[in-house]
N, C-alpha and C. Protein backbone atom coordinates (compact mmCIF):
# COMPACT_ATOMS: atom_id res chain seq x y z
N MET A 1 16.34 -48.86 -11.75
CA MET A 1 17.09 -48.12 -10.76
C MET A 1 16.10 -47.54 -9.76
N ASN A 2 16.48 -47.50 -8.56
CA ASN A 2 15.65 -46.98 -7.49
C ASN A 2 15.33 -45.51 -7.75
N ARG A 3 14.07 -45.13 -7.60
CA ARG A 3 13.65 -43.76 -7.88
C ARG A 3 14.31 -42.77 -6.92
N LYS A 4 14.52 -43.17 -5.67
CA LYS A 4 15.16 -42.26 -4.71
C LYS A 4 16.60 -41.98 -5.12
N LEU A 5 17.28 -43.02 -5.60
CA LEU A 5 18.65 -42.84 -6.06
C LEU A 5 18.68 -41.91 -7.27
N PHE A 6 17.72 -42.08 -8.18
CA PHE A 6 17.63 -41.19 -9.33
C PHE A 6 17.42 -39.75 -8.87
N ALA A 7 16.48 -39.55 -7.96
CA ALA A 7 16.18 -38.21 -7.48
C ALA A 7 17.42 -37.57 -6.85
N THR A 8 18.15 -38.33 -6.08
CA THR A 8 19.37 -37.82 -5.44
C THR A 8 20.41 -37.46 -6.49
N ALA A 9 20.59 -38.33 -7.50
CA ALA A 9 21.57 -38.06 -8.55
C ALA A 9 21.16 -36.83 -9.35
N LEU A 10 19.88 -36.72 -9.67
CA LEU A 10 19.38 -35.55 -10.41
C LEU A 10 19.62 -34.27 -9.62
N PHE A 11 19.28 -34.30 -8.36
CA PHE A 11 19.42 -33.12 -7.52
C PHE A 11 20.89 -32.71 -7.39
N ALA A 12 21.77 -33.67 -7.16
CA ALA A 12 23.20 -33.38 -7.03
C ALA A 12 23.77 -32.81 -8.33
N GLY A 13 23.38 -33.41 -9.45
CA GLY A 13 23.85 -32.93 -10.74
C GLY A 13 23.38 -31.52 -11.03
N LEU A 14 22.14 -31.25 -10.69
CA LEU A 14 21.58 -29.93 -10.94
C LEU A 14 22.19 -28.87 -10.03
N LEU A 15 22.47 -29.24 -8.80
CA LEU A 15 23.11 -28.29 -7.89
C LEU A 15 24.48 -27.89 -8.41
N SER A 16 25.23 -28.86 -8.90
CA SER A 16 26.56 -28.53 -9.42
C SER A 16 26.44 -27.69 -10.68
N LEU A 17 25.46 -27.98 -11.53
CA LEU A 17 25.23 -27.19 -12.72
C LEU A 17 24.84 -25.76 -12.35
N PHE A 18 24.02 -25.62 -11.33
CA PHE A 18 23.57 -24.31 -10.86
C PHE A 18 24.76 -23.50 -10.34
N ALA A 19 25.64 -24.16 -9.59
CA ALA A 19 26.82 -23.47 -9.03
C ALA A 19 27.73 -22.99 -10.15
N VAL A 20 27.94 -23.82 -11.16
CA VAL A 20 28.79 -23.44 -12.29
C VAL A 20 28.18 -22.26 -13.03
N ALA A 21 26.86 -22.31 -13.22
CA ALA A 21 26.19 -21.23 -13.95
C ALA A 21 26.33 -19.90 -13.23
N HIS A 22 26.22 -19.91 -11.92
CA HIS A 22 26.34 -18.66 -11.17
C HIS A 22 27.77 -18.16 -11.11
N ALA A 23 28.73 -19.04 -11.27
CA ALA A 23 30.13 -18.64 -11.24
C ALA A 23 30.55 -17.99 -12.56
N GLN A 24 29.79 -18.23 -13.63
CA GLN A 24 30.12 -17.66 -14.93
C GLN A 24 29.81 -16.17 -14.94
N ASN A 25 30.38 -15.52 -15.91
CA ASN A 25 30.15 -14.09 -16.08
C ASN A 25 28.69 -13.83 -16.39
N LYS A 26 28.03 -12.97 -15.61
CA LYS A 26 26.61 -12.70 -15.79
C LYS A 26 26.37 -11.59 -16.81
N ALA A 27 27.42 -11.13 -17.46
CA ALA A 27 27.26 -10.04 -18.41
C ALA A 27 26.50 -10.45 -19.66
N ASP A 28 26.49 -11.72 -19.97
CA ASP A 28 25.82 -12.17 -21.19
C ASP A 28 24.35 -12.45 -20.90
N ALA A 29 23.53 -11.42 -20.99
CA ALA A 29 22.10 -11.52 -20.65
C ALA A 29 21.30 -12.25 -21.71
N ASP A 30 21.88 -12.53 -22.87
CA ASP A 30 21.16 -13.22 -23.93
C ASP A 30 21.20 -14.73 -23.78
N GLU A 31 21.97 -15.23 -22.86
CA GLU A 31 22.09 -16.68 -22.68
C GLU A 31 21.09 -17.18 -21.64
N PRO A 32 20.41 -18.29 -21.92
CA PRO A 32 19.49 -18.84 -20.93
C PRO A 32 20.26 -19.37 -19.71
N THR A 33 19.61 -19.37 -18.58
CA THR A 33 20.22 -19.92 -17.37
C THR A 33 19.74 -21.36 -17.20
N PRO A 34 20.49 -22.18 -16.49
CA PRO A 34 20.08 -23.57 -16.29
C PRO A 34 18.75 -23.66 -15.55
N PRO A 35 17.98 -24.70 -15.84
CA PRO A 35 16.69 -24.87 -15.15
C PRO A 35 16.87 -25.07 -13.65
N ASP A 36 15.90 -24.65 -12.90
CA ASP A 36 15.87 -24.80 -11.45
C ASP A 36 15.73 -26.29 -11.10
N ALA A 37 16.62 -26.78 -10.24
CA ALA A 37 16.61 -28.18 -9.84
C ALA A 37 15.29 -28.59 -9.20
N LYS A 38 14.69 -27.70 -8.45
CA LYS A 38 13.42 -28.02 -7.79
C LYS A 38 12.31 -28.20 -8.82
N VAL A 39 12.32 -27.39 -9.86
CA VAL A 39 11.30 -27.52 -10.91
C VAL A 39 11.47 -28.85 -11.64
N LEU A 40 12.71 -29.19 -11.98
CA LEU A 40 12.96 -30.46 -12.66
C LEU A 40 12.55 -31.65 -11.80
N GLN A 41 12.81 -31.56 -10.51
CA GLN A 41 12.42 -32.64 -9.60
C GLN A 41 10.89 -32.72 -9.48
N THR A 42 10.22 -31.58 -9.44
CA THR A 42 8.75 -31.55 -9.36
C THR A 42 8.14 -32.19 -10.60
N VAL A 43 8.70 -31.88 -11.77
CA VAL A 43 8.19 -32.49 -13.01
C VAL A 43 8.39 -34.00 -12.95
N PHE A 44 9.58 -34.45 -12.57
CA PHE A 44 9.84 -35.89 -12.50
C PHE A 44 8.89 -36.56 -11.51
N ASP A 45 8.70 -35.95 -10.35
CA ASP A 45 7.82 -36.54 -9.33
C ASP A 45 6.38 -36.64 -9.82
N ALA A 46 5.98 -35.77 -10.75
CA ALA A 46 4.61 -35.76 -11.25
C ALA A 46 4.29 -36.97 -12.12
N PHE A 47 5.31 -37.71 -12.57
CA PHE A 47 5.04 -38.92 -13.35
C PHE A 47 5.82 -40.14 -12.88
N ALA A 48 6.74 -39.99 -11.95
CA ALA A 48 7.61 -41.09 -11.52
C ALA A 48 6.83 -42.27 -10.97
N GLY A 49 5.70 -42.03 -10.35
CA GLY A 49 4.90 -43.13 -9.81
C GLY A 49 4.36 -44.06 -10.88
N GLY A 50 4.30 -43.60 -12.11
CA GLY A 50 3.81 -44.43 -13.21
C GLY A 50 4.90 -45.16 -13.97
N LEU A 51 6.16 -44.99 -13.55
CA LEU A 51 7.27 -45.67 -14.23
C LEU A 51 7.41 -47.11 -13.74
N PRO A 52 7.80 -48.01 -14.63
CA PRO A 52 8.10 -49.38 -14.19
C PRO A 52 9.42 -49.40 -13.42
N GLU A 53 9.72 -50.50 -12.78
CA GLU A 53 10.96 -50.62 -12.01
C GLU A 53 12.19 -50.38 -12.90
N LYS A 54 12.17 -50.93 -14.12
CA LYS A 54 13.29 -50.75 -15.04
C LYS A 54 12.84 -49.90 -16.22
N TRP A 55 13.54 -48.78 -16.41
CA TRP A 55 13.26 -47.90 -17.53
C TRP A 55 14.57 -47.31 -18.02
N THR A 56 14.64 -46.95 -19.29
CA THR A 56 15.88 -46.42 -19.84
C THR A 56 15.81 -44.92 -20.11
N SER A 57 14.61 -44.42 -20.30
CA SER A 57 14.42 -42.99 -20.56
C SER A 57 12.96 -42.66 -20.26
N ALA A 58 12.74 -41.47 -19.72
CA ALA A 58 11.37 -41.01 -19.46
C ALA A 58 11.32 -39.55 -19.88
N TRP A 59 10.21 -39.14 -20.48
CA TRP A 59 10.13 -37.77 -20.94
C TRP A 59 8.71 -37.25 -20.93
N VAL A 60 8.64 -35.93 -20.91
CA VAL A 60 7.35 -35.25 -21.03
C VAL A 60 7.47 -34.30 -22.22
N VAL A 61 6.37 -34.17 -22.93
CA VAL A 61 6.29 -33.25 -24.06
C VAL A 61 5.11 -32.33 -23.79
N VAL A 62 5.39 -31.04 -23.74
CA VAL A 62 4.34 -30.03 -23.62
C VAL A 62 4.26 -29.39 -24.99
N LYS A 63 3.09 -29.52 -25.64
CA LYS A 63 2.97 -29.07 -27.02
C LYS A 63 1.76 -28.16 -27.20
N GLU A 64 2.02 -27.05 -27.85
CA GLU A 64 0.94 -26.14 -28.18
C GLU A 64 0.14 -26.76 -29.32
N VAL A 65 -1.19 -26.78 -29.16
CA VAL A 65 -2.02 -27.39 -30.19
C VAL A 65 -2.85 -26.38 -30.97
N ARG A 66 -3.07 -25.21 -30.39
CA ARG A 66 -3.79 -24.19 -31.15
C ARG A 66 -3.67 -22.84 -30.47
N GLN A 67 -3.92 -21.82 -31.28
CA GLN A 67 -3.96 -20.45 -30.79
C GLN A 67 -5.32 -19.89 -31.17
N ALA A 68 -5.98 -19.27 -30.24
CA ALA A 68 -7.29 -18.68 -30.52
C ALA A 68 -7.43 -17.41 -29.72
N SER A 69 -7.68 -16.32 -30.40
CA SER A 69 -7.89 -15.02 -29.75
C SER A 69 -6.77 -14.67 -28.78
N GLY A 70 -5.54 -14.96 -29.16
CA GLY A 70 -4.39 -14.64 -28.32
C GLY A 70 -4.08 -15.68 -27.26
N ALA A 71 -5.00 -16.61 -27.02
CA ALA A 71 -4.77 -17.66 -26.03
C ALA A 71 -4.06 -18.83 -26.71
N ARG A 72 -3.23 -19.50 -25.94
CA ARG A 72 -2.49 -20.66 -26.45
C ARG A 72 -2.94 -21.88 -25.66
N GLU A 73 -3.25 -22.98 -26.36
CA GLU A 73 -3.67 -24.21 -25.70
C GLU A 73 -2.60 -25.27 -25.89
N TYR A 74 -2.37 -26.05 -24.82
CA TYR A 74 -1.32 -27.05 -24.80
C TYR A 74 -1.86 -28.42 -24.41
N VAL A 75 -1.13 -29.47 -24.82
CA VAL A 75 -1.37 -30.82 -24.34
C VAL A 75 -0.06 -31.32 -23.74
N VAL A 76 -0.16 -32.24 -22.82
CA VAL A 76 1.02 -32.81 -22.17
C VAL A 76 0.99 -34.32 -22.36
N ASP A 77 2.10 -34.87 -22.85
CA ASP A 77 2.26 -36.32 -22.97
C ASP A 77 3.40 -36.75 -22.08
N CYS A 78 3.21 -37.87 -21.38
CA CYS A 78 4.24 -38.45 -20.51
C CYS A 78 4.57 -39.83 -21.07
N MET A 79 5.84 -40.07 -21.33
CA MET A 79 6.26 -41.31 -21.98
C MET A 79 7.49 -41.90 -21.28
N TYR A 80 7.72 -43.19 -21.53
CA TYR A 80 8.96 -43.83 -21.07
C TYR A 80 9.33 -44.92 -22.04
N SER A 81 10.59 -45.30 -22.00
CA SER A 81 11.05 -46.48 -22.74
C SER A 81 11.73 -47.40 -21.74
N ALA A 82 11.58 -48.68 -22.00
CA ALA A 82 12.14 -49.71 -21.12
C ALA A 82 13.16 -50.52 -21.92
N PRO A 83 14.06 -51.24 -21.23
CA PRO A 83 15.03 -52.06 -21.95
C PRO A 83 14.31 -53.02 -22.90
N GLY A 84 14.73 -53.00 -24.16
CA GLY A 84 14.12 -53.87 -25.16
C GLY A 84 12.75 -53.41 -25.62
N GLY A 85 12.31 -52.25 -25.14
CA GLY A 85 10.99 -51.74 -25.50
C GLY A 85 11.03 -50.86 -26.74
N ASP A 86 9.90 -50.33 -27.06
CA ASP A 86 9.74 -49.45 -28.22
C ASP A 86 10.42 -48.10 -27.95
N ALA A 87 11.32 -47.70 -28.84
CA ALA A 87 12.04 -46.43 -28.66
C ALA A 87 11.10 -45.23 -28.76
N ALA A 88 9.95 -45.41 -29.43
CA ALA A 88 8.98 -44.32 -29.53
C ALA A 88 8.31 -44.05 -28.19
N GLY A 89 8.40 -45.00 -27.29
CA GLY A 89 7.89 -44.80 -25.95
C GLY A 89 6.53 -45.41 -25.69
N THR A 90 6.27 -45.56 -24.42
CA THR A 90 5.00 -46.07 -23.91
C THR A 90 4.41 -44.99 -23.04
N PRO A 91 3.12 -44.70 -23.20
CA PRO A 91 2.51 -43.66 -22.36
C PRO A 91 2.55 -44.03 -20.88
N ILE A 92 2.76 -43.04 -20.05
CA ILE A 92 2.70 -43.22 -18.59
C ILE A 92 1.27 -42.88 -18.19
N ALA A 93 0.57 -43.87 -17.69
CA ALA A 93 -0.85 -43.67 -17.37
C ALA A 93 -1.05 -42.68 -16.22
N SER A 94 -0.18 -42.77 -15.24
CA SER A 94 -0.35 -41.95 -14.04
C SER A 94 0.63 -40.78 -14.07
N CYS A 95 0.15 -39.62 -14.53
CA CYS A 95 0.99 -38.42 -14.47
C CYS A 95 0.09 -37.21 -14.26
N ASP A 96 0.60 -36.27 -13.50
CA ASP A 96 -0.14 -35.05 -13.18
C ASP A 96 0.16 -34.01 -14.27
N ARG A 97 -0.63 -34.02 -15.33
CA ARG A 97 -0.38 -33.17 -16.48
C ARG A 97 -0.42 -31.68 -16.15
N LYS A 98 -1.32 -31.30 -15.27
CA LYS A 98 -1.42 -29.88 -14.91
C LYS A 98 -0.14 -29.41 -14.21
N LYS A 99 0.34 -30.20 -13.26
CA LYS A 99 1.57 -29.84 -12.54
C LYS A 99 2.77 -29.80 -13.50
N ILE A 100 2.81 -30.77 -14.41
CA ILE A 100 3.90 -30.81 -15.39
C ILE A 100 3.87 -29.56 -16.26
N PHE A 101 2.69 -29.23 -16.79
CA PHE A 101 2.57 -28.05 -17.65
C PHE A 101 3.02 -26.79 -16.90
N GLU A 102 2.48 -26.58 -15.71
CA GLU A 102 2.80 -25.36 -14.95
C GLU A 102 4.30 -25.23 -14.70
N ASN A 103 4.94 -26.35 -14.37
CA ASN A 103 6.37 -26.29 -14.06
C ASN A 103 7.24 -26.16 -15.31
N VAL A 104 6.90 -26.86 -16.37
CA VAL A 104 7.67 -26.71 -17.61
C VAL A 104 7.50 -25.28 -18.14
N TYR A 105 6.28 -24.77 -18.09
CA TYR A 105 6.06 -23.41 -18.57
C TYR A 105 6.81 -22.39 -17.71
N SER A 106 6.95 -22.68 -16.41
CA SER A 106 7.66 -21.76 -15.53
C SER A 106 9.15 -21.66 -15.88
N LEU A 107 9.66 -22.62 -16.63
CA LEU A 107 11.07 -22.56 -17.05
C LEU A 107 11.33 -21.41 -18.02
N ASN A 108 10.27 -20.77 -18.49
CA ASN A 108 10.44 -19.58 -19.34
C ASN A 108 11.28 -18.51 -18.64
N ARG A 109 11.23 -18.48 -17.34
CA ARG A 109 11.99 -17.44 -16.62
C ARG A 109 13.50 -17.63 -16.81
N ASN A 110 13.91 -18.81 -17.28
CA ASN A 110 15.32 -19.07 -17.53
C ASN A 110 15.75 -18.66 -18.94
N ILE A 111 14.76 -18.26 -19.74
CA ILE A 111 15.03 -17.85 -21.12
C ILE A 111 14.99 -16.33 -21.16
N PRO A 112 16.00 -15.69 -21.75
CA PRO A 112 15.96 -14.24 -21.85
C PRO A 112 14.65 -13.78 -22.52
N ALA A 113 14.20 -12.60 -22.17
CA ALA A 113 12.93 -12.07 -22.68
C ALA A 113 13.06 -11.77 -24.18
N THR A 114 12.94 -12.80 -24.98
CA THR A 114 13.00 -12.69 -26.43
C THR A 114 11.90 -13.56 -27.01
N GLU A 115 11.91 -13.66 -28.33
CA GLU A 115 10.94 -14.53 -29.00
C GLU A 115 11.16 -16.01 -28.64
N LYS A 116 12.30 -16.35 -28.09
CA LYS A 116 12.58 -17.75 -27.72
C LYS A 116 11.60 -18.24 -26.66
N ARG A 117 10.95 -17.33 -25.96
CA ARG A 117 9.94 -17.73 -24.97
C ARG A 117 8.65 -18.18 -25.65
N ARG A 118 8.51 -17.96 -26.94
CA ARG A 118 7.30 -18.32 -27.67
C ARG A 118 7.42 -19.71 -28.28
N TRP A 119 8.01 -20.64 -27.54
CA TRP A 119 8.14 -22.01 -28.03
C TRP A 119 6.76 -22.65 -28.19
N THR A 120 6.71 -23.63 -29.09
CA THR A 120 5.45 -24.34 -29.31
C THR A 120 5.52 -25.77 -28.80
N SER A 121 6.72 -26.23 -28.46
CA SER A 121 6.85 -27.54 -27.81
C SER A 121 8.09 -27.53 -26.92
N ALA A 122 7.98 -28.24 -25.83
CA ALA A 122 9.11 -28.41 -24.92
C ALA A 122 9.17 -29.88 -24.56
N THR A 123 10.34 -30.48 -24.72
CA THR A 123 10.55 -31.88 -24.38
C THR A 123 11.60 -31.94 -23.28
N LEU A 124 11.22 -32.54 -22.18
CA LEU A 124 12.12 -32.70 -21.03
C LEU A 124 12.33 -34.19 -20.82
N ARG A 125 13.56 -34.64 -21.10
CA ARG A 125 13.89 -36.07 -21.07
C ARG A 125 14.81 -36.36 -19.88
N TYR A 126 14.48 -37.41 -19.14
CA TYR A 126 15.26 -37.84 -17.97
C TYR A 126 15.88 -39.21 -18.24
N GLN A 127 17.08 -39.41 -17.68
CA GLN A 127 17.76 -40.71 -17.73
C GLN A 127 17.85 -41.26 -16.31
N PRO A 128 17.92 -42.57 -16.14
CA PRO A 128 18.00 -43.15 -14.79
C PRO A 128 19.21 -42.69 -13.99
N ASP A 129 20.29 -42.25 -14.67
CA ASP A 129 21.49 -41.82 -13.95
C ASP A 129 21.40 -40.36 -13.47
N GLY A 130 20.25 -39.72 -13.68
CA GLY A 130 20.06 -38.35 -13.21
C GLY A 130 20.29 -37.29 -14.26
N LYS A 131 20.75 -37.66 -15.44
CA LYS A 131 20.95 -36.69 -16.50
C LYS A 131 19.60 -36.31 -17.09
N PHE A 132 19.56 -35.11 -17.65
CA PHE A 132 18.33 -34.66 -18.28
C PHE A 132 18.68 -33.83 -19.51
N GLU A 133 17.69 -33.63 -20.37
CA GLU A 133 17.84 -32.81 -21.55
C GLU A 133 16.54 -32.05 -21.76
N LEU A 134 16.65 -30.77 -22.02
CA LEU A 134 15.49 -29.92 -22.27
C LEU A 134 15.65 -29.30 -23.65
N LYS A 135 14.67 -29.55 -24.53
CA LYS A 135 14.70 -28.99 -25.88
C LYS A 135 13.39 -28.28 -26.15
N TYR A 136 13.51 -27.15 -26.82
CA TYR A 136 12.34 -26.38 -27.23
C TYR A 136 12.18 -26.48 -28.74
N GLY A 137 10.92 -26.50 -29.19
CA GLY A 137 10.61 -26.47 -30.61
C GLY A 137 9.85 -25.20 -30.93
N TYR A 138 10.00 -24.74 -32.14
CA TYR A 138 9.38 -23.48 -32.54
C TYR A 138 8.57 -23.64 -33.83
N GLU A 139 7.89 -24.77 -33.95
CA GLU A 139 7.07 -25.03 -35.12
C GLU A 139 5.91 -24.03 -35.17
N LYS A 140 5.50 -23.66 -36.36
CA LYS A 140 4.39 -22.73 -36.50
C LYS A 140 3.08 -23.45 -36.21
N ILE A 141 2.25 -22.80 -35.41
CA ILE A 141 0.92 -23.33 -35.07
C ILE A 141 -0.09 -22.43 -35.77
N ALA A 142 -1.01 -23.05 -36.46
CA ALA A 142 -2.02 -22.28 -37.19
C ALA A 142 -2.96 -21.58 -36.20
N ASP A 143 -3.31 -20.36 -36.55
CA ASP A 143 -4.30 -19.63 -35.76
C ASP A 143 -5.65 -20.30 -35.94
N GLU A 144 -6.50 -20.07 -34.97
CA GLU A 144 -7.87 -20.57 -35.05
C GLU A 144 -8.50 -20.02 -36.33
N PRO A 145 -9.15 -20.88 -37.14
CA PRO A 145 -9.76 -20.36 -38.36
C PRO A 145 -10.82 -19.30 -38.04
N LYS A 146 -10.89 -18.32 -38.90
CA LYS A 146 -11.89 -17.27 -38.71
C LYS A 146 -13.27 -17.83 -39.01
N ALA A 147 -14.26 -17.34 -38.28
CA ALA A 147 -15.63 -17.77 -38.53
C ALA A 147 -16.03 -17.29 -39.92
N THR A 148 -16.64 -18.16 -40.64
CA THR A 148 -17.08 -17.79 -41.98
C THR A 148 -18.59 -17.90 -42.05
N GLU A 149 -19.11 -17.34 -43.10
CA GLU A 149 -20.55 -17.43 -43.27
C GLU A 149 -20.92 -18.87 -43.56
N LYS A 150 -22.13 -19.18 -43.26
CA LYS A 150 -22.64 -20.52 -43.53
C LYS A 150 -22.58 -20.75 -45.03
N PRO A 151 -22.06 -21.91 -45.45
CA PRO A 151 -21.97 -22.14 -46.90
C PRO A 151 -23.37 -22.20 -47.50
N GLU A 152 -23.44 -21.70 -48.69
CA GLU A 152 -24.71 -21.75 -49.38
C GLU A 152 -25.02 -23.18 -49.80
N THR A 153 -26.27 -23.51 -49.76
CA THR A 153 -26.67 -24.84 -50.22
C THR A 153 -27.30 -24.71 -51.58
N LYS A 154 -27.01 -25.64 -52.38
CA LYS A 154 -27.51 -25.63 -53.76
C LYS A 154 -28.93 -26.22 -53.76
N LYS A 155 -29.85 -25.52 -54.37
CA LYS A 155 -31.24 -26.01 -54.45
C LYS A 155 -31.43 -26.71 -55.78
N ASN A 156 -32.08 -27.84 -55.73
CA ASN A 156 -32.38 -28.56 -56.98
C ASN A 156 -33.61 -28.06 -57.62
């Protein structure tokens, strides 16, 4: 499917979703708000150039890999599946991982200020018809191991 057509469908779908969300009662502050259409489009644009002409699904995974001294480190994977291809996906060679990370992480503003913002993985999946799905994971990540003394060596 043509990438421009996908972008238009995604943008139109997100605008309608945004309008519905704003029309709802804003009294429920514990509910997340829909993602910003511009952010979703920016993420898609950051890897769309690496997609083949025919694809069935494309996704990015932002995953926390470690915590050290209060800092959190992440990796970004960009994948796609093609008709008749491997459902596990094929890596997208050309993707702007920094831009993807910054924009996916910025979606935290759509999550109420709770522990739900402490996700350890976020998967953003796109379909050629403009539909998308955003899922967060909350797997426990081990803290950086504490420095230990040098192990003693046994003398013969």
